[in-house]
PDB file of all heavy atoms in Angstrom:
ATOM      1  N   GLY A   1     -10.097  -3.696   6.564  1.00  0.00           N
ATOM      2  CA  GLY A   1     -10.758  -2.617   5.848  1.00  0.00           C
ATOM      3  C   GLY A   1     -12.101  -2.272   6.455  1.00  0.00           C
ATOM      4  O   GLY A   1     -12.436  -1.095   6.653  1.00  0.00           O
ATOM      5  N   ILE A   2     -12.884  -3.303   6.774  1.00  0.00           N
ATOM      6  CA  ILE A   2     -14.207  -3.075   7.360  1.00  0.00           C
ATOM      7  C   ILE A   2     -14.086  -2.406   8.724  1.00  0.00           C
ATOM      8  O   ILE A   2     -14.725  -1.390   9.002  1.00  0.00           O
ATOM      9  CB  ILE A   2     -14.966  -4.411   7.492  1.00  0.00           C
ATOM     10  CG1 ILE A   2     -15.160  -5.048   6.120  1.00  0.00           C
ATOM     11  CG2 ILE A   2     -16.319  -4.197   8.159  1.00  0.00           C
ATOM     12  CD1 ILE A   2     -15.626  -6.474   6.183  1.00  0.00           C
ATOM     13  N   VAL A   3     -13.246  -2.987   9.585  1.00  0.00           N
ATOM     14  CA  VAL A   3     -13.125  -2.471  10.951  1.00  0.00           C
ATOM     15  C   VAL A   3     -12.446  -1.108  10.978  1.00  0.00           C
ATOM     16  O   VAL A   3     -12.916  -0.165  11.635  1.00  0.00           O
ATOM     17  CB  VAL A   3     -12.351  -3.468  11.830  1.00  0.00           C
ATOM     18  CG1 VAL A   3     -12.162  -2.902  13.227  1.00  0.00           C
ATOM     19  CG2 VAL A   3     -13.088  -4.789  11.892  1.00  0.00           C
ATOM     20  N   LEU A   4     -11.315  -0.980  10.251  1.00  0.00           N
ATOM     21  CA  LEU A   4     -10.606   0.291  10.238  1.00  0.00           C
ATOM     22  C   LEU A   4     -11.458   1.409   9.663  1.00  0.00           C
ATOM     23  O   LEU A   4     -11.407   2.553  10.134  1.00  0.00           O
ATOM     24  CB  LEU A   4      -9.307   0.162   9.440  1.00  0.00           C
ATOM     25  CG  LEU A   4      -8.172  -0.633  10.090  1.00  0.00           C
ATOM     26  CD1 LEU A   4      -6.992  -0.748   9.132  1.00  0.00           C
ATOM     27  CD2 LEU A   4      -7.740   0.018  11.388  1.00  0.00           C
ATOM     28  N   GLY A   5     -12.253   1.068   8.617  1.00  0.00           N
ATOM     29  CA  GLY A   5     -13.118   2.086   8.036  1.00  0.00           C
ATOM     30  C   GLY A   5     -14.068   2.668   9.062  1.00  0.00           C
ATOM     31  O   GLY A   5     -14.287   3.885   9.119  1.00  0.00           O
ATOM     32  N   GLY A   6     -14.627   1.796   9.904  1.00  0.00           N
ATOM     33  CA  GLY A   6     -15.542   2.262  10.940  1.00  0.00           C
ATOM     34  C   GLY A   6     -14.833   3.004  12.056  1.00  0.00           C
ATOM     35  O   GLY A   6     -15.247   4.091  12.454  1.00  0.00           O
ATOM     36  N   ILE A   7     -13.738   2.428  12.546  1.00  0.00           N
ATOM     37  CA  ILE A   7     -13.031   3.032  13.684  1.00  0.00           C
ATOM     38  C   ILE A   7     -12.413   4.380  13.305  1.00  0.00           C
ATOM     39  O   ILE A   7     -12.582   5.386  14.007  1.00  0.00           O
ATOM     40  CB  ILE A   7     -11.938   2.077  14.200  1.00  0.00           C
ATOM     41  CG1 ILE A   7     -12.580   0.825  14.815  1.00  0.00           C
ATOM     42  CG2 ILE A   7     -11.053   2.779  15.219  1.00  0.00           C
ATOM     43  CD1 ILE A   7     -11.577  -0.229  15.234  1.00  0.00           C
ATOM     44  N   ILE A   8     -11.676   4.400  12.192  1.00  0.00           N
ATOM     45  CA  ILE A   8     -10.989   5.636  11.800  1.00  0.00           C
ATOM     46  C   ILE A   8     -11.992   6.739  11.471  1.00  0.00           C
ATOM     47  O   ILE A   8     -11.821   7.894  11.879  1.00  0.00           O
ATOM     48  CB  ILE A   8     -10.052   5.371  10.598  1.00  0.00           C
ATOM     49  CG1 ILE A   8      -8.911   4.445  11.020  1.00  0.00           C
ATOM     50  CG2 ILE A   8      -9.481   6.684  10.057  1.00  0.00           C
ATOM     51  CD1 ILE A   8      -8.022   4.001   9.871  1.00  0.00           C
ATOM     52  N   THR A   9     -13.041   6.386  10.733  1.00  0.00           N
ATOM     53  CA  THR A   9     -14.045   7.395  10.385  1.00  0.00           C
ATOM     54  C   THR A   9     -14.734   7.939  11.630  1.00  0.00           C
ATOM     55  O   THR A   9     -14.988   9.140  11.745  1.00  0.00           O
ATOM     56  CB  THR A   9     -15.091   6.798   9.432  1.00  0.00           C
ATOM     57  OG1 THR A   9     -14.428   6.327   8.252  1.00  0.00           O
ATOM     58  CG2 THR A   9     -16.136   7.837   9.049  1.00  0.00           C
ATOM     59  N   THR A  10     -15.026   7.053  12.588  1.00  0.00           N
ATOM     60  CA  THR A  10     -15.749   7.459  13.797  1.00  0.00           C
ATOM     61  C   THR A  10     -14.886   8.309  14.722  1.00  0.00           C
ATOM     62  O   THR A  10     -15.338   9.330  15.254  1.00  0.00           O
ATOM     63  CB  THR A  10     -16.254   6.218  14.562  1.00  0.00           C
ATOM     64  OG1 THR A  10     -17.103   5.463  13.702  1.00  0.00           O
ATOM     65  CG2 THR A  10     -17.028   6.629  15.802  1.00  0.00           C
ATOM     66  N   PHE A  11     -13.623   7.918  14.920  1.00  0.00           N
ATOM     67  CA  PHE A  11     -12.811   8.552  15.952  1.00  0.00           C
ATOM     68  C   PHE A  11     -11.750   9.527  15.437  1.00  0.00           C
ATOM     69  O   PHE A  11     -11.243  10.350  16.210  1.00  0.00           O
ATOM     70  CB  PHE A  11     -12.139   7.483  16.815  1.00  0.00           C
ATOM     71  CG  PHE A  11     -13.110   6.598  17.539  1.00  0.00           C
ATOM     72  CD1 PHE A  11     -13.317   5.285  17.132  1.00  0.00           C
ATOM     73  CD2 PHE A  11     -13.847   7.087  18.604  1.00  0.00           C
ATOM     74  CE1 PHE A  11     -14.222   4.464  17.795  1.00  0.00           C
ATOM     75  CE2 PHE A  11     -14.749   6.282  19.273  1.00  0.00           C
ATOM     76  CZ  PHE A  11     -14.948   4.966  18.871  1.00  0.00           C
ATOM     77  N   ILE A  12     -11.385   9.446  14.165  1.00  0.00           N
ATOM     78  CA  ILE A  12     -10.331  10.319  13.639  1.00  0.00           C
ATOM     79  C   ILE A  12     -10.842  11.173  12.479  1.00  0.00           C
ATOM     80  O   ILE A  12     -10.633  12.379  12.454  1.00  0.00           O
ATOM     81  CB  ILE A  12      -9.093   9.509  13.190  1.00  0.00           C
ATOM     82  CG1 ILE A  12      -8.587   8.624  14.338  1.00  0.00           C
ATOM     83  CG2 ILE A  12      -7.984  10.438  12.710  1.00  0.00           C
ATOM     84  CD1 ILE A  12      -7.427   7.726  13.953  1.00  0.00           C
ATOM     85  N   GLY A  13     -11.509  10.559  11.526  1.00  0.00           N
ATOM     86  CA  GLY A  13     -11.982  11.284  10.348  1.00  0.00           C
ATOM     87  C   GLY A  13     -11.787  10.445   9.104  1.00  0.00           C
ATOM     88  O   GLY A  13     -10.814   9.689   8.997  1.00  0.00           O
ATOM     89  N   TRP A  14     -12.696  10.575   8.135  1.00  0.00           N
ATOM     90  CA  TRP A  14     -12.680   9.693   6.969  1.00  0.00           C
ATOM     91  C   TRP A  14     -11.414   9.840   6.126  1.00  0.00           C
ATOM     92  O   TRP A  14     -10.984   8.894   5.464  1.00  0.00           O
ATOM     93  CB  TRP A  14     -13.916   9.924   6.095  1.00  0.00           C
ATOM     94  CG  TRP A  14     -13.962  11.269   5.396  1.00  0.00           C
ATOM     95  CD1 TRP A  14     -14.569  12.401   5.829  1.00  0.00           C
ATOM     96  CD2 TRP A  14     -13.364  11.595   4.129  1.00  0.00           C
ATOM     97  NE1 TRP A  14     -14.402  13.424   4.928  1.00  0.00           N
ATOM     98  CE2 TRP A  14     -13.671  12.956   3.867  1.00  0.00           C
ATOM     99  CE3 TRP A  14     -12.618  10.891   3.197  1.00  0.00           C
ATOM    100  CZ2 TRP A  14     -13.257  13.618   2.714  1.00  0.00           C
ATOM    101  CZ3 TRP A  14     -12.195  11.551   2.042  1.00  0.00           C
ATOM    102  CH2 TRP A  14     -12.516  12.892   1.817  1.00  0.00           C
ATOM    103  N   ARG A  15     -10.797  11.014   6.135  1.00  0.00           N
ATOM    104  CA  ARG A  15      -9.616  11.213   5.291  1.00  0.00           C
ATOM    105  C   ARG A  15      -8.470  10.278   5.675  1.00  0.00           C
ATOM    106  O   ARG A  15      -7.644   9.896   4.830  1.00  0.00           O
ATOM    107  CB  ARG A  15      -9.157  12.672   5.360  1.00  0.00           C
ATOM    108  CG  ARG A  15     -10.204  13.650   4.796  1.00  0.00           C
ATOM    109  CD  ARG A  15      -9.714  15.079   4.794  1.00  0.00           C
ATOM    110  NE  ARG A  15     -10.777  15.985   4.374  1.00  0.00           N
ATOM    111  CZ  ARG A  15     -11.111  16.219   3.104  1.00  0.00           C
ATOM    112  NH1 ARG A  15     -10.425  15.624   2.136  1.00  0.00           N
ATOM    113  NH2 ARG A  15     -12.087  17.048   2.800  1.00  0.00           N
ATOM    114  N   TYR A  16      -8.441   9.873   6.933  1.00  0.00           N
ATOM    115  CA  TYR A  16      -7.335   9.037   7.412  1.00  0.00           C
ATOM    116  C   TYR A  16      -7.488   7.569   7.017  1.00  0.00           C
ATOM    117  O   TYR A  16      -6.539   6.793   7.185  1.00  0.00           O
ATOM    118  CB  TYR A  16      -7.183   9.195   8.927  1.00  0.00           C
ATOM    119  CG  TYR A  16      -6.602  10.527   9.295  1.00  0.00           C
ATOM    120  CD1 TYR A  16      -7.442  11.631   9.484  1.00  0.00           C
ATOM    121  CD2 TYR A  16      -5.228  10.710   9.395  1.00  0.00           C
ATOM    122  CE1 TYR A  16      -6.912  12.874   9.795  1.00  0.00           C
ATOM    123  CE2 TYR A  16      -4.698  11.952   9.712  1.00  0.00           C
ATOM    124  CZ  TYR A  16      -5.546  13.036   9.903  1.00  0.00           C
ATOM    125  OH  TYR A  16      -5.022  14.268  10.186  1.00  0.00           O
ATOM    126  N   ILE A  17      -8.656   7.184   6.477  1.00  0.00           N
ATOM    127  CA  ILE A  17      -8.751   5.829   5.944  1.00  0.00           C
ATOM    128  C   ILE A  17      -7.867   5.689   4.706  1.00  0.00           C
ATOM    129  O   ILE A  17      -7.492   4.574   4.316  1.00  0.00           O
ATOM    130  CB  ILE A  17     -10.201   5.420   5.618  1.00  0.00           C
ATOM    131  CG1 ILE A  17     -10.767   6.242   4.462  1.00  0.00           C
ATOM    132  CG2 ILE A  17     -11.084   5.500   6.846  1.00  0.00           C
ATOM    133  CD1 ILE A  17     -12.170   5.828   4.044  1.00  0.00           C
ATOM    134  N   PHE A  18      -7.527   6.835   4.091  1.00  0.00           N
ATOM    135  CA  PHE A  18      -6.599   6.832   2.955  1.00  0.00           C
ATOM    136  C   PHE A  18      -5.179   7.188   3.378  1.00  0.00           C
ATOM    137  O   PHE A  18      -4.214   6.598   2.891  1.00  0.00           O
ATOM    138  CB  PHE A  18      -7.092   7.810   1.884  1.00  0.00           C
ATOM    139  CG  PHE A  18      -8.474   7.507   1.376  1.00  0.00           C
ATOM    140  CD1 PHE A  18      -9.530   8.361   1.646  1.00  0.00           C
ATOM    141  CD2 PHE A  18      -8.728   6.357   0.651  1.00  0.00           C
ATOM    142  CE1 PHE A  18     -10.806   8.085   1.193  1.00  0.00           C
ATOM    143  CE2 PHE A  18      -9.996   6.060   0.192  1.00  0.00           C
ATOM    144  CZ  PHE A  18     -11.044   6.929   0.467  1.00  0.00           C
ATOM    145  N   TYR A  19      -5.041   8.143   4.293  1.00  0.00           N
ATOM    146  CA  TYR A  19      -3.706   8.542   4.740  1.00  0.00           C
ATOM    147  C   TYR A  19      -2.951   7.384   5.390  1.00  0.00           C
ATOM    148  O   TYR A  19      -1.713   7.336   5.329  1.00  0.00           O
ATOM    149  CB  TYR A  19      -3.814   9.689   5.743  1.00  0.00           C
ATOM    150  CG  TYR A  19      -4.192  11.023   5.135  1.00  0.00           C
ATOM    151  CD1 TYR A  19      -4.943  11.942   5.871  1.00  0.00           C
ATOM    152  CD2 TYR A  19      -3.785  11.371   3.853  1.00  0.00           C
ATOM    153  CE1 TYR A  19      -5.291  13.176   5.326  1.00  0.00           C
ATOM    154  CE2 TYR A  19      -4.129  12.586   3.298  1.00  0.00           C
ATOM    155  CZ  TYR A  19      -4.888  13.491   4.037  1.00  0.00           C
ATOM    156  OH  TYR A  19      -5.233  14.698   3.499  1.00  0.00           O
ATOM    157  N   ILE A  20      -3.669   6.431   5.997  1.00  0.00           N
ATOM    158  CA  ILE A  20      -3.004   5.317   6.681  1.00  0.00           C
ATOM    159  C   ILE A  20      -2.182   4.468   5.714  1.00  0.00           C
ATOM    160  O   ILE A  20      -1.214   3.805   6.103  1.00  0.00           O
ATOM    161  CB  ILE A  20      -4.037   4.442   7.429  1.00  0.00           C
ATOM    162  CG1 ILE A  20      -3.330   3.501   8.413  1.00  0.00           C
ATOM    163  CG2 ILE A  20      -4.887   3.648   6.449  1.00  0.00           C
ATOM    164  CD1 ILE A  20      -4.284   2.684   9.261  1.00  0.00           C
ATOM    165  N   ASN A  21      -2.532   4.513   4.419  1.00  0.00           N
ATOM    166  CA  ASN A  21      -1.788   3.728   3.425  1.00  0.00           C
ATOM    167  C   ASN A  21      -0.387   4.265   3.166  1.00  0.00           C
ATOM    168  O   ASN A  21       0.477   3.536   2.676  1.00  0.00           O
ATOM    169  CB  ASN A  21      -2.549   3.712   2.098  1.00  0.00           C
ATOM    170  CG  ASN A  21      -3.811   2.885   2.160  1.00  0.00           C
ATOM    171  OD1 ASN A  21      -3.834   1.833   2.772  1.00  0.00           O
ATOM    172  ND2 ASN A  21      -4.869   3.365   1.531  1.00  0.00           N
ATOM    173  N   VAL A  22      -0.166   5.541   3.469  1.00  0.00           N
ATOM    174  CA  VAL A  22       1.111   6.154   3.115  1.00  0.00           C
ATOM    175  C   VAL A  22       2.281   5.535   3.895  1.00  0.00           C
ATOM    176  O   VAL A  22       3.246   5.042   3.273  1.00  0.00           O
ATOM    177  CB  VAL A  22       1.054   7.680   3.316  1.00  0.00           C
ATOM    178  CG1 VAL A  22       2.422   8.302   3.034  1.00  0.00           C
ATOM    179  CG2 VAL A  22      -0.001   8.293   2.386  1.00  0.00           C
ATOM    180  N   PRO A  23       2.259   5.487   5.221  1.00  0.00           N
ATOM    181  CA  PRO A  23       3.402   4.863   5.927  1.00  0.00           C
ATOM    182  C   PRO A  23       3.514   3.366   5.667  1.00  0.00           C
ATOM    183  O   PRO A  23       4.631   2.842   5.525  1.00  0.00           O
ATOM    184  CB  PRO A  23       3.110   5.158   7.405  1.00  0.00           C
ATOM    185  CG  PRO A  23       1.638   5.416   7.482  1.00  0.00           C
ATOM    186  CD  PRO A  23       1.281   6.058   6.185  1.00  0.00           C
ATOM    187  N   VAL A  24       2.368   2.670   5.612  1.00  0.00           N
ATOM    188  CA  VAL A  24       2.412   1.222   5.349  1.00  0.00           C
ATOM    189  C   VAL A  24       2.975   0.958   3.957  1.00  0.00           C
ATOM    190  O   VAL A  24       3.804   0.058   3.748  1.00  0.00           O
ATOM    191  CB  VAL A  24       1.012   0.597   5.498  1.00  0.00           C
ATOM    192  CG1 VAL A  24       1.054  -0.894   5.154  1.00  0.00           C
ATOM    193  CG2 VAL A  24       0.481   0.791   6.909  1.00  0.00           C
ATOM    194  N   GLY A  25       2.530   1.755   2.989  1.00  0.00           N
ATOM    195  CA  GLY A  25       3.019   1.593   1.620  1.00  0.00           C
ATOM    196  C   GLY A  25       4.501   1.860   1.494  1.00  0.00           C
ATOM    197  O   GLY A  25       5.205   1.182   0.735  1.00  0.00           O
ATOM    198  N   LEU A  26       5.019   2.827   2.238  1.00  0.00           N
ATOM    199  CA  LEU A  26       6.453   3.119   2.199  1.00  0.00           C
ATOM    200  C   LEU A  26       7.278   1.951   2.726  1.00  0.00           C
ATOM    201  O   LEU A  26       8.352   1.649   2.203  1.00  0.00           O
ATOM    202  CB  LEU A  26       6.741   4.389   3.002  1.00  0.00           C
ATOM    203  CG  LEU A  26       6.306   5.708   2.346  1.00  0.00           C
ATOM    204  CD1 LEU A  26       6.493   6.871   3.314  1.00  0.00           C
ATOM    205  CD2 LEU A  26       7.084   5.955   1.053  1.00  0.00           C
ATOM    206  N   ILE A  27       6.766   1.281   3.761  1.00  0.00           N
ATOM    207  CA  ILE A  27       7.462   0.096   4.290  1.00  0.00           C
ATOM    208  C   ILE A  27       7.516  -0.999   3.221  1.00  0.00           C
ATOM    209  O   ILE A  27       8.560  -1.601   2.965  1.00  0.00           O
ATOM    210  CB  ILE A  27       6.757  -0.417   5.559  1.00  0.00           C
ATOM    211  CG1 ILE A  27       6.894   0.601   6.693  1.00  0.00           C
ATOM    212  CG2 ILE A  27       7.337  -1.772   5.991  1.00  0.00           C
ATOM    213  CD1 ILE A  27       6.061   0.267   7.918  1.00  0.00           C
ATOM    214  N   GLY A  28       6.369  -1.253   2.587  1.00  0.00           N
ATOM    215  CA  GLY A  28       6.326  -2.262   1.530  1.00  0.00           C
ATOM    216  C   GLY A  28       7.224  -1.906   0.365  1.00  0.00           C
ATOM    217  O   GLY A  28       7.895  -2.778  -0.213  1.00  0.00           O
ATOM    218  N   PHE A  29       7.276  -0.619   0.015  1.00  0.00           N
ATOM    219  CA  PHE A  29       8.114  -0.173  -1.092  1.00  0.00           C
ATOM    220  C   PHE A  29       9.594  -0.428  -0.810  1.00  0.00           C
ATOM    221  O   PHE A  29      10.339  -0.889  -1.686  1.00  0.00           O
ATOM    222  CB  PHE A  29       7.877   1.320  -1.347  1.00  0.00           C
ATOM    223  CG  PHE A  29       8.837   1.924  -2.329  1.00  0.00           C
ATOM    224  CD1 PHE A  29       8.738   1.630  -3.688  1.00  0.00           C
ATOM    225  CD2 PHE A  29       9.843   2.775  -1.907  1.00  0.00           C
ATOM    226  CE1 PHE A  29       9.623   2.186  -4.604  1.00  0.00           C
ATOM    227  CE2 PHE A  29      10.736   3.335  -2.805  1.00  0.00           C
ATOM    228  CZ  PHE A  29      10.624   3.043  -4.160  1.00  0.00           C
ATOM    229  N   VAL A  30      10.026  -0.144   0.408  1.00  0.00           N
ATOM    230  CA  VAL A  30      11.431  -0.361   0.774  1.00  0.00           C
ATOM    231  C   VAL A  30      11.791  -1.846   0.673  1.00  0.00           C
ATOM    232  O   VAL A  30      12.843  -2.217   0.125  1.00  0.00           O
ATOM    233  CB  VAL A  30      11.712   0.179   2.196  1.00  0.00           C
ATOM    234  CG1 VAL A  30      13.101  -0.257   2.664  1.00  0.00           C
ATOM    235  CG2 VAL A  30      11.596   1.703   2.217  1.00  0.00           C
ATOM    236  N   PHE A  31      10.931  -2.712   1.208  1.00  0.00           N
ATOM    237  CA  PHE A  31      11.169  -4.150   1.117  1.00  0.00           C
ATOM    238  C   PHE A  31      11.246  -4.603  -0.350  1.00  0.00           C
ATOM    239  O   PHE A  31      12.131  -5.379  -0.728  1.00  0.00           O
ATOM    240  CB  PHE A  31      10.058  -4.918   1.836  1.00  0.00           C
ATOM    241  CG  PHE A  31      10.329  -5.157   3.294  1.00  0.00           C
ATOM    242  CD1 PHE A  31       9.848  -4.275   4.253  1.00  0.00           C
ATOM    243  CD2 PHE A  31      11.062  -6.248   3.721  1.00  0.00           C
ATOM    244  CE1 PHE A  31      10.095  -4.480   5.599  1.00  0.00           C
ATOM    245  CE2 PHE A  31      11.321  -6.473   5.056  1.00  0.00           C
ATOM    246  CZ  PHE A  31      10.836  -5.573   6.010  1.00  0.00           C
ATOM    247  N   ALA A  32      10.281  -4.132  -1.158  1.00  0.00           N
ATOM    248  CA  ALA A  32      10.254  -4.538  -2.567  1.00  0.00           C
ATOM    249  C   ALA A  32      11.488  -4.038  -3.305  1.00  0.00           C
ATOM    250  O   ALA A  32      12.075  -4.761  -4.126  1.00  0.00           O
ATOM    251  CB  ALA A  32       8.986  -4.004  -3.234  1.00  0.00           C
ATOM    252  N   LEU A  33      11.890  -2.804  -3.024  1.00  0.00           N
ATOM    253  CA  LEU A  33      13.044  -2.226  -3.700  1.00  0.00           C
ATOM    254  C   LEU A  33      14.330  -2.994  -3.378  1.00  0.00           C
ATOM    255  O   LEU A  33      15.184  -3.198  -4.245  1.00  0.00           O
ATOM    256  CB  LEU A  33      13.199  -0.759  -3.273  1.00  0.00           C
ATOM    257  CG  LEU A  33      14.194   0.094  -4.058  1.00  0.00           C
ATOM    258  CD1 LEU A  33      13.756   0.227  -5.511  1.00  0.00           C
ATOM    259  CD2 LEU A  33      14.333   1.471  -3.413  1.00  0.00           C
ATOM    260  N   LEU A  34      14.442  -3.458  -2.142  1.00  0.00           N
ATOM    261  CA  LEU A  34      15.656  -4.139  -1.708  1.00  0.00           C
ATOM    262  C   LEU A  34      15.713  -5.602  -2.143  1.00  0.00           C
ATOM    263  O   LEU A  34      16.795  -6.122  -2.451  1.00  0.00           O
ATOM    264  CB  LEU A  34      15.778  -4.054  -0.178  1.00  0.00           C
ATOM    265  CG  LEU A  34      16.064  -2.672   0.407  1.00  0.00           C
ATOM    266  CD1 LEU A  34      16.047  -2.729   1.930  1.00  0.00           C
ATOM    267  CD2 LEU A  34      17.411  -2.136  -0.082  1.00  0.00           C
ATOM    268  N   TYR A  35      14.561  -6.282  -2.189  1.00  0.00           N
ATOM    269  CA  TYR A  35      14.609  -7.740  -2.290  1.00  0.00           C
ATOM    270  C   TYR A  35      13.927  -8.343  -3.514  1.00  0.00           C
ATOM    271  O   TYR A  35      14.213  -9.486  -3.872  1.00  0.00           O
ATOM    272  CB  TYR A  35      13.990  -8.353  -1.021  1.00  0.00           C
ATOM    273  CG  TYR A  35      14.707  -7.919   0.235  1.00  0.00           C
ATOM    274  CD1 TYR A  35      14.087  -7.087   1.157  1.00  0.00           C
ATOM    275  CD2 TYR A  35      16.023  -8.311   0.480  1.00  0.00           C
ATOM    276  CE1 TYR A  35      14.760  -6.666   2.305  1.00  0.00           C
ATOM    277  CE2 TYR A  35      16.700  -7.901   1.619  1.00  0.00           C
ATOM    278  CZ  TYR A  35      16.059  -7.081   2.530  1.00  0.00           C
ATOM    279  OH  TYR A  35      16.725  -6.668   3.647  1.00  0.00           O
ATOM    280  N   ILE A  36      13.022  -7.624  -4.162  1.00  0.00           N
ATOM    281  CA  ILE A  36      12.369  -8.197  -5.343  1.00  0.00           C
ATOM    282  C   ILE A  36      13.091  -7.713  -6.589  1.00  0.00           C
ATOM    283  O   ILE A  36      13.059  -6.525  -6.921  1.00  0.00           O
ATOM    284  CB  ILE A  36      10.868  -7.812  -5.405  1.00  0.00           C
ATOM    285  CG1 ILE A  36      10.138  -8.389  -4.195  1.00  0.00           C
ATOM    286  CG2 ILE A  36      10.241  -8.341  -6.698  1.00  0.00           C
ATOM    287  CD1 ILE A  36       8.661  -8.063  -4.166  1.00  0.00           C
ATOM    288  N   LYS A  37      13.752  -8.618  -7.250  1.00  0.00           N
ATOM    289  CA  LYS A  37      14.513  -8.278  -8.449  1.00  0.00           C
ATOM    290  C   LYS A  37      13.725  -8.670  -9.690  1.00  0.00           C
ATOM    291  O   LYS A  37      12.798  -9.483  -9.647  1.00  0.00           O
ATOM    292  CB  LYS A  37      15.870  -8.986  -8.438  1.00  0.00           C
ATOM    293  CG  LYS A  37      16.687  -8.709  -7.175  1.00  0.00           C
ATOM    294  CD  LYS A  37      16.917  -7.210  -6.967  1.00  0.00           C
ATOM    295  CE  LYS A  37      17.719  -6.956  -5.697  1.00  0.00           C
ATOM    296  NZ  LYS A  37      17.891  -5.507  -5.436  1.00  0.00           N
ATOM    297  N   ASP A  38      14.145  -8.092 -10.810  1.00  0.00           N
ATOM    298  CA  ASP A  38      13.451  -8.359 -12.066  1.00  0.00           C
ATOM    299  C   ASP A  38      13.681  -9.784 -12.547  1.00  0.00           C
ATOM    300  O   ASP A  38      14.766 -10.343 -12.393  1.00  0.00           O
ATOM    301  CB  ASP A  38      13.916  -7.380 -13.150  1.00  0.00           C
ATOM    302  CG  ASP A  38      13.381  -5.978 -12.927  1.00  0.00           C
ATOM    303  OD1 ASP A  38      12.393  -5.848 -12.182  1.00  0.00           O
ATOM    304  OD2 ASP A  38      13.945  -5.030 -13.499  1.00  0.00           O
ATOM    305  N   ASN A  39      12.638 -10.344 -13.143  1.00  0.00           N
ATOM    306  CA  ASN A  39      12.724 -11.659 -13.765  1.00  0.00           C
ATOM    307  C   ASN A  39      13.328 -11.533 -15.162  1.00  0.00           C
ATOM    308  O   ASN A  39      13.566 -10.435 -15.667  1.00  0.00           O
ATOM    309  CB  ASN A  39      11.305 -12.241 -13.882  1.00  0.00           C
ATOM    310  CG  ASN A  39      10.372 -11.275 -14.610  1.00  0.00           C
ATOM    311  OD1 ASN A  39      10.006 -10.234 -14.062  1.00  0.00           O
ATOM    312  ND2 ASN A  39      10.023 -11.600 -15.840  1.00  0.00           N
ATOM    313  N   LYS A  40      13.574 -12.671 -15.780  1.00  0.00           N
ATOM    314  CA  LYS A  40      13.993 -12.659 -17.173  1.00  0.00           C
ATOM    315  C   LYS A  40      12.837 -12.146 -18.021  1.00  0.00           C
ATOM    316  O   LYS A  40      11.720 -12.635 -17.938  1.00  0.00           O
ATOM    317  CB  LYS A  40      14.375 -14.071 -17.629  1.00  0.00           C
ATOM    318  CG  LYS A  40      14.873 -14.126 -19.062  1.00  0.00           C
ATOM    319  CD  LYS A  40      15.249 -15.551 -19.457  1.00  0.00           C
ATOM    320  CE  LYS A  40      15.731 -15.606 -20.888  1.00  0.00           C
ATOM    321  NZ  LYS A  40      16.077 -16.996 -21.296  1.00  0.00           N
ATOM    322  N   ARG A  41      13.091 -11.135 -18.837  1.00  0.00           N
ATOM    323  CA  ARG A  41      12.020 -10.472 -19.575  1.00  0.00           C
ATOM    324  C   ARG A  41      11.656 -11.237 -20.839  1.00  0.00           C
ATOM    325  O   ARG A  41      12.483 -11.919 -21.438  1.00  0.00           O
ATOM    326  CB  ARG A  41      12.432  -9.034 -19.910  1.00  0.00           C
ATOM    327  CG  ARG A  41      12.770  -8.228 -18.656  1.00  0.00           C
ATOM    328  CD  ARG A  41      13.275  -6.838 -18.970  1.00  0.00           C
ATOM    329  NE  ARG A  41      13.804  -6.219 -17.759  1.00  0.00           N
ATOM    330  CZ  ARG A  41      14.293  -4.989 -17.714  1.00  0.00           C
ATOM    331  NH1 ARG A  41      14.333  -4.259 -18.821  1.00  0.00           N
ATOM    332  NH2 ARG A  41      14.749  -4.503 -16.566  1.00  0.00           N
ATOM    333  N   THR A  42      10.415 -11.095 -21.229  1.00  0.00           N
ATOM    334  CA  THR A  42       9.922 -11.763 -22.426  1.00  0.00           C
ATOM    335  C   THR A  42       9.298 -10.736 -23.361  1.00  0.00           C
ATOM    336  O   THR A  42       8.871  -9.659 -22.929  1.00  0.00           O
ATOM    337  CB  THR A  42       8.860 -12.828 -22.082  1.00  0.00           C
ATOM    338  OG1 THR A  42       7.777 -12.189 -21.375  1.00  0.00           O
ATOM    339  CG2 THR A  42       9.445 -13.901 -21.196  1.00  0.00           C
ATOM    340  N   GLU A  43       9.277 -11.061 -24.633  1.00  0.00           N
ATOM    341  CA  GLU A  43       8.698 -10.157 -25.622  1.00  0.00           C
ATOM    342  C   GLU A  43       7.192 -10.362 -25.683  1.00  0.00           C
ATOM    343  O   GLU A  43       6.712 -11.450 -25.994  1.00  0.00           O
ATOM    344  CB  GLU A  43       9.318 -10.411 -26.999  1.00  0.00           C
ATOM    345  CG  GLU A  43      10.783 -10.012 -27.090  1.00  0.00           C
ATOM    346  CD  GLU A  43      11.310 -10.148 -28.503  1.00  0.00           C
ATOM    347  OE1 GLU A  43      10.492 -10.401 -29.417  1.00  0.00           O
ATOM    348  OE2 GLU A  43      12.525  -9.999 -28.695  1.00  0.00           O
ATOM    349  N   THR A  44       6.457  -9.310 -25.389  1.00  0.00           N
ATOM    350  CA  THR A  44       4.999  -9.339 -25.473  1.00  0.00           C
ATOM    351  C   THR A  44       4.526  -7.912 -25.685  1.00  0.00           C
ATOM    352  O   THR A  44       5.295  -6.959 -25.527  1.00  0.00           O
ATOM    353  CB  THR A  44       4.377  -9.946 -24.196  1.00  0.00           C
ATOM    354  OG1 THR A  44       2.964 -10.056 -24.363  1.00  0.00           O
ATOM    355  CG2 THR A  44       4.678  -9.083 -22.981  1.00  0.00           C
ATOM    356  N   LYS A  45       3.271  -7.734 -26.057  1.00  0.00           N
ATOM    357  CA  LYS A  45       2.739  -6.408 -26.347  1.00  0.00           C
ATOM    358  C   LYS A  45       1.460  -6.172 -25.542  1.00  0.00           C
ATOM    359  O   LYS A  45       0.819  -7.108 -25.087  1.00  0.00           O
ATOM    360  CB  LYS A  45       2.461  -6.259 -27.843  1.00  0.00           C
ATOM    361  CG  LYS A  45       3.723  -6.304 -28.712  1.00  0.00           C
ATOM    362  CD  LYS A  45       3.375  -6.130 -30.183  1.00  0.00           C
ATOM    363  CE  LYS A  45       4.639  -6.160 -31.041  1.00  0.00           C
ATOM    364  NZ  LYS A  45       4.322  -5.997 -32.487  1.00  0.00           N
ATOM    365  N   ILE A  46       1.105  -4.891 -25.422  1.00  0.00           N
ATOM    366  CA  ILE A  46      -0.116  -4.511 -24.720  1.00  0.00           C
ATOM    367  C   ILE A  46      -1.279  -4.501 -25.706  1.00  0.00           C
ATOM    368  O   ILE A  46      -1.173  -3.952 -26.802  1.00  0.00           O
ATOM    369  CB  ILE A  46       0.031  -3.123 -24.073  1.00  0.00           C
ATOM    370  CG1 ILE A  46       1.216  -3.113 -23.121  1.00  0.00           C
ATOM    371  CG2 ILE A  46      -1.247  -2.728 -23.350  1.00  0.00           C
ATOM    372  CD1 ILE A  46       1.106  -4.086 -21.982  1.00  0.00           C
TER     373      ILE A  46
END
């Protein structure tokens, strides 16, 4: 975060410090969707 914030802001633009999360997040989402299944649910309230 520290290094990328400096490099991306300096050489590409500050908006891309947020845009970079989109492709990385999609990879994580695919892995989670395929392999992380729901646990046994319990009764609780917010």
